[in-house]
N, C-alpha and C. Protein backbone atom coordinates (compact mmCIF):
# COMPACT_ATOMS: atom_id res chain seq x y z
N MET A 1 2.60 9.78 -24.52
CA MET A 1 2.18 10.32 -22.90
C MET A 1 2.93 9.78 -22.48
N LYS A 2 3.52 10.84 -21.32
CA LYS A 2 4.95 10.45 -20.14
C LYS A 2 4.37 10.07 -18.69
N ILE A 3 5.11 9.19 -18.16
CA ILE A 3 5.32 8.83 -16.95
C ILE A 3 5.52 10.33 -15.91
N LYS A 4 4.85 10.32 -15.14
CA LYS A 4 4.94 11.57 -13.99
C LYS A 4 5.30 10.94 -12.99
N LYS A 5 4.79 9.90 -12.62
CA LYS A 5 4.96 9.06 -11.65
C LYS A 5 4.79 7.85 -11.44
N PRO A 6 5.52 6.50 -11.16
CA PRO A 6 4.96 5.55 -11.27
C PRO A 6 4.47 5.31 -9.44
N LEU A 7 3.30 4.88 -9.36
CA LEU A 7 2.24 4.34 -8.04
C LEU A 7 2.81 3.11 -7.67
N GLY A 8 3.35 2.03 -8.28
CA GLY A 8 3.20 0.80 -8.11
C GLY A 8 3.44 0.02 -9.40
N ASN A 9 3.49 -1.37 -9.64
CA ASN A 9 3.86 -2.31 -10.30
C ASN A 9 2.77 -1.91 -11.19
N ASN A 10 1.24 -1.78 -11.21
CA ASN A 10 0.22 -1.66 -11.66
C ASN A 10 -0.42 -0.34 -12.02
N ALA A 11 0.08 0.68 -11.25
CA ALA A 11 -0.81 1.75 -11.61
C ALA A 11 0.53 3.21 -11.79
N ILE A 12 0.09 3.84 -12.58
CA ILE A 12 0.91 5.48 -12.91
C ILE A 12 0.11 6.57 -12.64
N LEU A 13 0.66 7.54 -12.64
CA LEU A 13 0.23 9.27 -12.99
C LEU A 13 0.94 9.74 -13.93
N MET A 14 0.05 10.13 -14.78
CA MET A 14 0.83 10.34 -16.26
C MET A 14 0.25 11.77 -16.44
N GLU A 15 0.91 12.73 -17.44
CA GLU A 15 -0.06 13.88 -18.03
C GLU A 15 -0.27 13.49 -19.42
N ASP A 16 -1.61 13.93 -19.94
CA ASP A 16 -1.66 13.91 -21.29
C ASP A 16 -1.61 15.12 -22.04
N GLU A 17 -1.24 15.42 -23.50
CA GLU A 17 -1.07 16.14 -24.09
C GLU A 17 -1.17 17.69 -23.79
N ASN A 18 -2.58 17.64 -22.99
CA ASN A 18 -2.87 19.00 -22.95
C ASN A 18 -2.53 19.24 -21.08
N GLY A 19 -1.81 18.35 -20.78
CA GLY A 19 -0.96 18.44 -19.22
C GLY A 19 -1.81 18.18 -17.89
N THR A 20 -3.30 17.42 -18.57
CA THR A 20 -3.89 17.07 -17.43
C THR A 20 -3.20 15.70 -16.94
N GLU A 21 -3.54 15.61 -15.61
CA GLU A 21 -2.93 14.27 -14.73
C GLU A 21 -4.05 13.28 -14.72
N GLN A 22 -3.84 12.54 -15.16
CA GLN A 22 -4.47 10.95 -14.91
C GLN A 22 -3.59 9.91 -14.32
N VAL A 23 -4.36 8.98 -13.82
CA VAL A 23 -4.01 7.93 -13.36
C VAL A 23 -4.22 6.68 -14.25
N ALA A 24 -3.40 5.79 -14.62
CA ALA A 24 -3.51 4.79 -15.73
C ALA A 24 -3.56 3.24 -14.87
N ILE A 25 -4.60 2.41 -14.82
CA ILE A 25 -4.08 1.22 -14.34
C ILE A 25 -4.26 0.26 -15.36
N GLY A 26 -2.97 -0.84 -14.99
CA GLY A 26 -3.28 -2.12 -16.06
C GLY A 26 -2.00 -2.63 -15.25
N ASN A 27 -1.99 -3.99 -15.86
CA ASN A 27 -1.21 -4.91 -15.40
C ASN A 27 0.08 -4.85 -15.84
N GLY A 28 1.41 -4.32 -14.90
CA GLY A 28 2.74 -4.15 -15.16
C GLY A 28 2.84 -2.59 -15.73
N ILE A 29 1.84 -2.11 -15.84
CA ILE A 29 1.90 -0.69 -16.87
C ILE A 29 3.31 0.12 -15.95
N GLY A 30 3.77 0.26 -14.48
CA GLY A 30 4.47 0.57 -13.59
C GLY A 30 5.84 -0.25 -12.94
N PHE A 31 5.88 -1.53 -13.95
CA PHE A 31 6.95 -2.27 -13.61
C PHE A 31 7.94 -1.71 -14.18
N ARG A 32 9.10 -1.52 -13.56
CA ARG A 32 10.24 -0.98 -13.77
C ARG A 32 10.60 0.34 -14.71
N LYS A 33 9.22 1.18 -14.26
CA LYS A 33 9.30 2.14 -14.78
C LYS A 33 9.90 3.46 -13.87
N ARG A 34 10.14 4.63 -14.65
CA ARG A 34 10.86 5.62 -14.28
C ARG A 34 9.86 6.92 -14.73
N GLU A 35 9.75 8.09 -14.15
CA GLU A 35 9.45 9.38 -14.51
C GLU A 35 9.94 9.91 -15.85
N GLY A 36 9.26 10.54 -16.54
CA GLY A 36 9.70 10.57 -18.04
C GLY A 36 9.35 9.72 -18.94
N ASP A 37 9.53 8.15 -18.62
CA ASP A 37 9.40 7.23 -19.61
C ASP A 37 7.98 7.34 -20.22
N GLU A 38 8.02 6.65 -21.69
CA GLU A 38 6.62 6.67 -22.78
C GLU A 38 5.64 5.48 -21.85
N VAL A 39 4.74 5.73 -21.75
CA VAL A 39 3.30 5.27 -21.43
C VAL A 39 3.53 3.89 -22.24
N ASP A 40 2.82 2.90 -22.24
CA ASP A 40 2.66 1.59 -23.23
C ASP A 40 0.88 1.78 -23.36
N PRO A 41 0.69 2.36 -24.18
CA PRO A 41 -0.74 2.28 -24.32
C PRO A 41 -1.37 0.74 -24.31
N ASP A 42 -0.75 -0.27 -24.94
CA ASP A 42 -1.50 -2.04 -24.70
C ASP A 42 -1.79 -2.15 -23.44
N LYS A 43 -0.71 -1.48 -22.36
CA LYS A 43 -1.36 -1.76 -21.31
C LYS A 43 -2.06 -1.33 -20.41
N ILE A 44 -2.42 -0.21 -20.36
CA ILE A 44 -3.79 0.50 -20.22
C ILE A 44 -4.86 0.24 -20.37
N GLN A 45 -5.48 -0.17 -18.91
CA GLN A 45 -6.83 -1.28 -18.57
C GLN A 45 -7.97 -0.19 -18.32
N LYS A 46 -7.77 1.07 -17.47
CA LYS A 46 -8.07 2.17 -16.94
C LYS A 46 -7.81 3.29 -16.89
N VAL A 47 -8.37 4.26 -17.13
CA VAL A 47 -7.55 5.71 -17.09
C VAL A 47 -8.57 6.37 -16.15
N TYR A 48 -8.27 7.17 -15.03
CA TYR A 48 -8.77 8.17 -14.22
C TYR A 48 -8.39 9.80 -14.22
N VAL A 49 -9.47 10.21 -14.15
CA VAL A 49 -9.04 11.82 -14.64
C VAL A 49 -9.92 12.72 -13.38
N ILE A 50 -9.18 13.26 -12.54
CA ILE A 50 -9.84 14.24 -11.49
C ILE A 50 -10.43 15.35 -12.39
N ARG A 51 -11.46 15.50 -11.90
CA ARG A 51 -12.50 16.79 -12.97
C ARG A 51 -12.67 17.94 -12.10
N ASP A 52 -13.24 17.55 -10.79
CA ASP A 52 -13.96 18.68 -9.97
C ASP A 52 -12.74 18.42 -8.65
N THR A 53 -11.52 19.14 -8.44
CA THR A 53 -10.66 19.39 -7.51
C THR A 53 -11.43 19.93 -6.15
N SER A 54 -12.56 20.30 -6.21
CA SER A 54 -13.08 21.42 -4.95
C SER A 54 -13.52 20.00 -3.98
N ILE A 55 -13.90 18.93 -4.52
CA ILE A 55 -14.59 17.86 -3.50
C ILE A 55 -12.63 17.63 -2.86
N LEU A 56 -11.80 17.54 -3.40
CA LEU A 56 -10.70 17.29 -2.55
C LEU A 56 -10.33 17.74 -1.58
N LEU A 57 -10.69 19.20 -1.48
CA LEU A 57 -10.20 20.23 -0.73
C LEU A 57 -11.72 20.41 0.35
N ALA A 58 -12.63 19.21 0.29
CA ALA A 58 -13.95 19.56 1.41
C ALA A 58 -13.01 19.06 2.91
N GLU A 59 -13.73 19.03 3.70
CA GLU A 59 -13.71 18.85 5.62
C GLU A 59 -14.23 17.35 5.05
N PRO A 60 -13.19 16.68 6.00
CA PRO A 60 -14.37 15.17 6.06
C PRO A 60 -15.13 15.44 7.20
N ASP A 61 -16.28 14.41 7.30
CA ASP A 61 -17.52 14.65 8.02
C ASP A 61 -17.18 13.86 9.11
N PRO A 62 -17.01 13.99 10.64
CA PRO A 62 -16.57 12.65 11.32
C PRO A 62 -17.68 12.07 11.82
N GLN A 63 -18.59 12.49 11.37
CA GLN A 63 -19.85 11.78 11.67
C GLN A 63 -20.45 10.61 10.58
N ARG A 64 -19.41 10.62 9.74
CA ARG A 64 -19.93 9.70 8.66
C ARG A 64 -18.63 8.88 7.85
N ARG A 65 -18.43 7.69 8.68
CA ARG A 65 -17.56 6.70 8.09
C ARG A 65 -17.65 5.66 7.70
N ALA A 66 -17.12 4.72 6.81
CA ALA A 66 -17.47 3.48 5.95
C ALA A 66 -16.98 2.21 6.50
N PHE A 67 -16.58 2.45 7.56
CA PHE A 67 -15.75 1.01 8.18
C PHE A 67 -16.28 1.09 9.65
N GLY A 68 -15.69 -0.18 10.50
CA GLY A 68 -15.91 -0.22 11.67
C GLY A 68 -17.72 0.11 12.48
N GLY A 69 -18.42 -0.09 11.33
CA GLY A 69 -19.95 -0.19 12.01
C GLY A 69 -20.80 0.93 12.28
N TYR A 70 -19.99 2.18 11.97
CA TYR A 70 -20.44 3.22 12.58
C TYR A 70 -21.25 4.07 11.28
N ALA A 71 -21.50 3.86 10.36
CA ALA A 71 -22.10 4.44 9.11
C ALA A 71 -23.07 5.10 9.50
N GLU A 72 -24.05 4.40 10.10
CA GLU A 72 -25.65 5.06 10.46
C GLU A 72 -25.28 5.74 11.82
N GLY A 73 -24.88 4.96 12.94
CA GLY A 73 -25.12 5.80 13.82
C GLY A 73 -24.03 6.76 14.51
N GLY A 74 -22.68 6.93 14.01
CA GLY A 74 -21.78 8.16 14.16
C GLY A 74 -21.26 7.46 14.98
N PHE A 75 -20.26 7.95 15.75
CA PHE A 75 -18.95 7.41 17.09
C PHE A 75 -19.47 6.79 18.05
N PRO A 76 -19.07 6.02 18.63
CA PRO A 76 -19.75 5.43 20.36
C PRO A 76 -19.53 6.70 21.19
N ASP A 77 -20.56 6.57 21.98
CA ASP A 77 -20.72 7.46 22.97
C ASP A 77 -20.84 7.03 24.68
N PRO A 78 -19.84 7.03 25.42
CA PRO A 78 -19.52 6.37 26.48
C PRO A 78 -20.77 7.03 27.29
N GLU A 79 -21.03 8.38 27.21
CA GLU A 79 -22.48 8.71 28.20
C GLU A 79 -23.88 7.83 27.88
N ARG A 80 -23.76 7.73 26.33
CA ARG A 80 -25.11 7.00 26.02
C ARG A 80 -25.05 5.62 26.37
N GLY A 81 -24.17 4.95 26.88
CA GLY A 81 -23.80 3.64 27.28
C GLY A 81 -22.97 2.96 25.87
N ASP A 82 -22.89 3.71 24.61
CA ASP A 82 -22.07 2.81 23.42
C ASP A 82 -20.69 2.55 23.79
N ARG A 83 -20.88 1.21 23.68
CA ARG A 83 -18.92 0.66 23.73
C ARG A 83 -18.48 0.82 22.19
N GLY A 84 -18.88 1.19 21.31
CA GLY A 84 -18.88 0.46 19.88
C GLY A 84 -18.87 -1.04 19.61
N LEU A 85 -18.29 -1.53 19.09
CA LEU A 85 -18.47 -2.82 18.44
C LEU A 85 -18.09 -4.05 19.74
N HIS A 86 -17.40 -3.61 20.47
CA HIS A 86 -17.35 -4.13 21.49
C HIS A 86 -17.60 -4.11 22.63
N SER A 87 -18.24 -5.35 23.03
CA SER A 87 -18.88 -5.10 24.53
C SER A 87 -18.38 -5.96 25.48
N PHE A 88 -18.06 -5.29 26.63
CA PHE A 88 -17.17 -6.29 27.43
C PHE A 88 -17.80 -6.17 28.82
């Protein structure tokens, strides 16, 4: 397998023999590597494959956020008296 793009010292984008893009994670797998270099199979710890690209094209839901404490209640609404996490 060949490196399509190094993503950092510990991650690379690669293609398998069928042309499927995969992300490989491993200690030092991308260190001093360039596009076209061979992948060292001994350094691969995990491989991620995208199987359903329709998920990537979906519009994000603005009422659903995983940070800032708004996951359940949505965004702060000043008209309801909400000021978010900071009350002054």
